[in-house]
Amino acid sequence: MDQQQADQIRNNVRDSYSKVAEADNEGDGCGVASSC
């Protein structure tokens, strides 16, 4: 795996976590819909 792939994966992970955090902030308490 080269550096660019590693960066892309990190960006995807950060993106996913930010979406979960936003959902939690809206007060539904279950993050992403698939976890409900």
N, C-alpha and C. Protein backbone atom coordinates (compact mmCIF):
# COMPACT_ATOMS: atom_id res chain seq x y z
N MET A 1 0.86 -1.20 0.00
CA MET A 1 0.00 0.00 0.00
C MET A 1 0.89 1.24 0.00
N ASP A 2 0.62 2.14 -0.91
CA ASP A 2 1.44 3.36 -0.96
C ASP A 2 0.84 4.47 -0.09
N GLN A 3 1.56 5.56 -0.01
CA GLN A 3 1.15 6.65 0.88
C GLN A 3 -0.20 7.24 0.47
N GLN A 4 -0.43 7.33 -0.83
CA GLN A 4 -1.69 7.92 -1.29
C GLN A 4 -2.89 7.06 -0.87
N GLN A 5 -2.74 5.75 -0.99
CA GLN A 5 -3.83 4.86 -0.55
C GLN A 5 -4.07 4.99 0.95
N ALA A 6 -2.99 5.07 1.71
CA ALA A 6 -3.13 5.20 3.16
C ALA A 6 -3.85 6.50 3.52
N ASP A 7 -3.50 7.57 2.84
CA ASP A 7 -4.16 8.86 3.09
C ASP A 7 -5.65 8.78 2.75
N GLN A 8 -5.96 8.11 1.64
CA GLN A 8 -7.35 7.99 1.21
C GLN A 8 -8.17 7.23 2.25
N ILE A 9 -7.60 6.16 2.76
CA ILE A 9 -8.30 5.38 3.79
C ILE A 9 -8.52 6.21 5.04
N ARG A 10 -7.49 6.94 5.45
CA ARG A 10 -7.64 7.79 6.64
C ARG A 10 -8.72 8.83 6.43
N ASN A 11 -8.76 9.41 5.24
CA ASN A 11 -9.79 10.41 4.95
C ASN A 11 -11.19 9.79 5.01
N ASN A 12 -11.32 8.59 4.47
CA ASN A 12 -12.62 7.91 4.50
C ASN A 12 -13.05 7.62 5.93
N VAL A 13 -12.12 7.18 6.75
CA VAL A 13 -12.43 6.87 8.14
C VAL A 13 -12.85 8.14 8.89
N ARG A 14 -12.09 9.22 8.68
CA ARG A 14 -12.40 10.49 9.34
C ARG A 14 -13.79 10.96 8.92
N ASP A 15 -14.10 10.80 7.64
CA ASP A 15 -15.40 11.18 7.11
C ASP A 15 -16.52 10.40 7.78
N SER A 16 -16.31 9.11 7.91
CA SER A 16 -17.32 8.26 8.55
C SER A 16 -17.55 8.66 9.99
N TYR A 17 -16.45 8.91 10.73
CA TYR A 17 -16.60 9.30 12.13
C TYR A 17 -17.32 10.64 12.25
N SER A 18 -17.05 11.57 11.34
CA SER A 18 -17.71 12.87 11.43
C SER A 18 -19.21 12.73 11.17
N LYS A 19 -19.59 11.82 10.26
CA LYS A 19 -21.01 11.60 10.00
C LYS A 19 -21.70 11.03 11.23
N VAL A 20 -21.06 10.09 11.90
CA VAL A 20 -21.62 9.51 13.12
C VAL A 20 -21.75 10.58 14.19
N ALA A 21 -20.73 11.41 14.33
CA ALA A 21 -20.76 12.47 15.34
C ALA A 21 -21.90 13.44 15.06
N GLU A 22 -22.10 13.79 13.80
CA GLU A 22 -23.19 14.70 13.44
C GLU A 22 -24.54 14.07 13.79
N ALA A 23 -24.70 12.79 13.52
CA ALA A 23 -25.96 12.12 13.82
C ALA A 23 -26.20 12.10 15.32
N ASP A 24 -25.14 11.83 16.09
CA ASP A 24 -25.26 11.84 17.55
C ASP A 24 -25.68 13.22 18.04
N ASN A 25 -25.13 14.27 17.43
CA ASN A 25 -25.45 15.63 17.83
C ASN A 25 -26.91 15.97 17.56
N GLU A 26 -27.51 15.29 16.60
CA GLU A 26 -28.92 15.54 16.31
C GLU A 26 -29.84 14.87 17.32
N GLY A 27 -29.27 14.06 18.20
CA GLY A 27 -30.04 13.51 19.30
C GLY A 27 -30.77 12.21 19.01
N ASP A 28 -30.46 11.56 17.89
CA ASP A 28 -31.14 10.29 17.65
C ASP A 28 -30.49 9.15 18.42
N GLY A 29 -29.27 9.38 18.91
CA GLY A 29 -28.65 8.45 19.85
C GLY A 29 -28.11 7.17 19.26
N CYS A 30 -28.20 6.98 17.94
CA CYS A 30 -27.71 5.72 17.39
C CYS A 30 -26.73 5.91 16.25
N GLY A 31 -26.18 7.10 16.09
CA GLY A 31 -25.16 7.30 15.07
C GLY A 31 -25.72 7.11 13.68
N VAL A 32 -25.11 6.23 12.90
CA VAL A 32 -25.59 5.97 11.55
C VAL A 32 -26.84 5.11 11.59
N ALA A 33 -27.68 5.24 10.58
CA ALA A 33 -28.97 4.57 10.58
C ALA A 33 -28.83 3.05 10.68
N SER A 34 -27.79 2.49 10.08
CA SER A 34 -27.65 1.04 10.06
C SER A 34 -27.37 0.46 11.44
N SER A 35 -27.00 1.30 12.41
CA SER A 35 -26.68 0.79 13.74
C SER A 35 -27.91 0.74 14.65
N CYS A 36 -29.04 1.24 14.16
CA CYS A 36 -30.24 1.27 14.99
C CYS A 36 -30.87 -0.11 15.15
